[in-house]
Amino acid sequence: MAHIRHFARQHRHTLMKTGSYYLTHITVAAGVAYAVTGDLWAALTLSLLEPTVQAGVYFFHERAWARHGAG
């Protein structure tokens, strides 16, 4: 548990930015999916699945850019 807290403190800014991006992405994805499908259930499912995967990828993308910029 201490390891998780240390990780969260060390990467606080990136985790908060990732969370903000995640919520924005869900909102946009739900709107687009509903516009395309006309089905609320499908729109909600798609809008939760794809951004969840993207949020994880985004976090590691940000970490890679931070390392590249620091070098």
Protein backbone atom coordinates (compact mmCIF):
# COMPACT_ATOMS: atom_id res chain seq x y z
CA MET A 1 0.00 0.00 0.00
CA ALA A 2 2.87 2.38 0.75
CA HIS A 3 4.21 1.75 -2.73
CA ILE A 4 0.88 2.80 -4.27
CA ARG A 5 0.75 5.98 -2.16
CA HIS A 6 4.32 6.85 -3.12
CA PHE A 7 3.53 6.25 -6.79
CA ALA A 8 0.37 8.40 -6.55
CA ARG A 9 2.26 11.25 -4.84
CA GLN A 10 5.13 11.04 -7.31
CA HIS A 11 2.81 11.12 -10.35
CA ARG A 12 -0.01 13.25 -8.90
CA HIS A 13 -0.08 15.82 -11.70
CA THR A 14 -0.07 13.23 -14.49
CA LEU A 15 -2.74 11.14 -12.74
CA MET A 16 -4.99 14.20 -12.28
CA LYS A 17 -4.46 15.20 -15.91
CA THR A 18 -5.25 11.64 -16.97
CA GLY A 19 -8.48 11.70 -14.94
CA SER A 20 -9.55 15.00 -16.47
CA TYR A 21 -8.80 13.68 -19.95
CA TYR A 22 -10.72 10.49 -19.16
CA LEU A 23 -13.90 12.37 -18.16
CA THR A 24 -13.69 14.65 -21.19
CA HIS A 25 -13.15 11.69 -23.49
CA ILE A 26 -16.13 9.78 -22.05
CA THR A 27 -18.39 12.77 -22.62
CA VAL A 28 -17.27 13.27 -26.22
CA ALA A 29 -17.31 9.53 -26.99
CA ALA A 30 -20.85 9.16 -25.61
CA GLY A 31 -22.09 12.01 -27.77
CA VAL A 32 -20.44 10.68 -30.91
CA ALA A 33 -21.50 7.07 -30.27
CA TYR A 34 -25.10 8.15 -29.66
CA ALA A 35 -25.11 10.29 -32.81
CA VAL A 36 -23.85 7.35 -34.86
CA THR A 37 -25.87 4.52 -33.30
CA GLY A 38 -28.98 6.24 -31.94
CA ASP A 39 -28.81 3.65 -29.15
CA LEU A 40 -28.18 4.98 -25.64
CA TRP A 41 -27.01 1.61 -24.24
CA ALA A 42 -24.50 1.10 -27.06
CA ALA A 43 -23.32 4.70 -26.72
CA LEU A 44 -22.70 4.32 -22.97
CA THR A 45 -20.93 1.00 -23.42
CA LEU A 46 -18.64 2.34 -26.14
CA SER A 47 -18.02 5.59 -24.29
CA LEU A 48 -16.79 3.73 -21.20
CA LEU A 49 -14.77 1.01 -22.89
CA GLU A 50 -12.65 2.94 -25.35
CA PRO A 51 -11.70 5.89 -23.08
CA THR A 52 -10.80 3.50 -20.27
CA VAL A 53 -8.21 1.87 -22.49
CA GLN A 54 -7.09 5.26 -23.83
CA ALA A 55 -6.60 6.68 -20.31
CA GLY A 56 -4.10 3.96 -19.48
CA VAL A 57 -2.27 4.50 -22.75
CA TYR A 58 -2.31 8.28 -22.21
CA PHE A 59 -0.69 7.97 -18.77
CA PHE A 60 2.24 5.99 -20.15
CA HIS A 61 2.45 8.28 -23.17
CA GLU A 62 2.81 11.28 -20.84
CA ARG A 63 5.48 9.49 -18.79
CA ALA A 64 7.44 8.69 -21.95
CA TRP A 65 7.28 12.32 -23.08
CA ALA A 66 8.34 13.51 -19.62
CA ARG A 67 11.38 11.20 -19.74
CA HIS A 68 12.23 12.34 -23.26
CA GLY A 69 12.01 16.01 -22.25
CA ALA A 70 14.13 15.47 -19.13
CA GLY A 71 16.93 13.81 -21.17
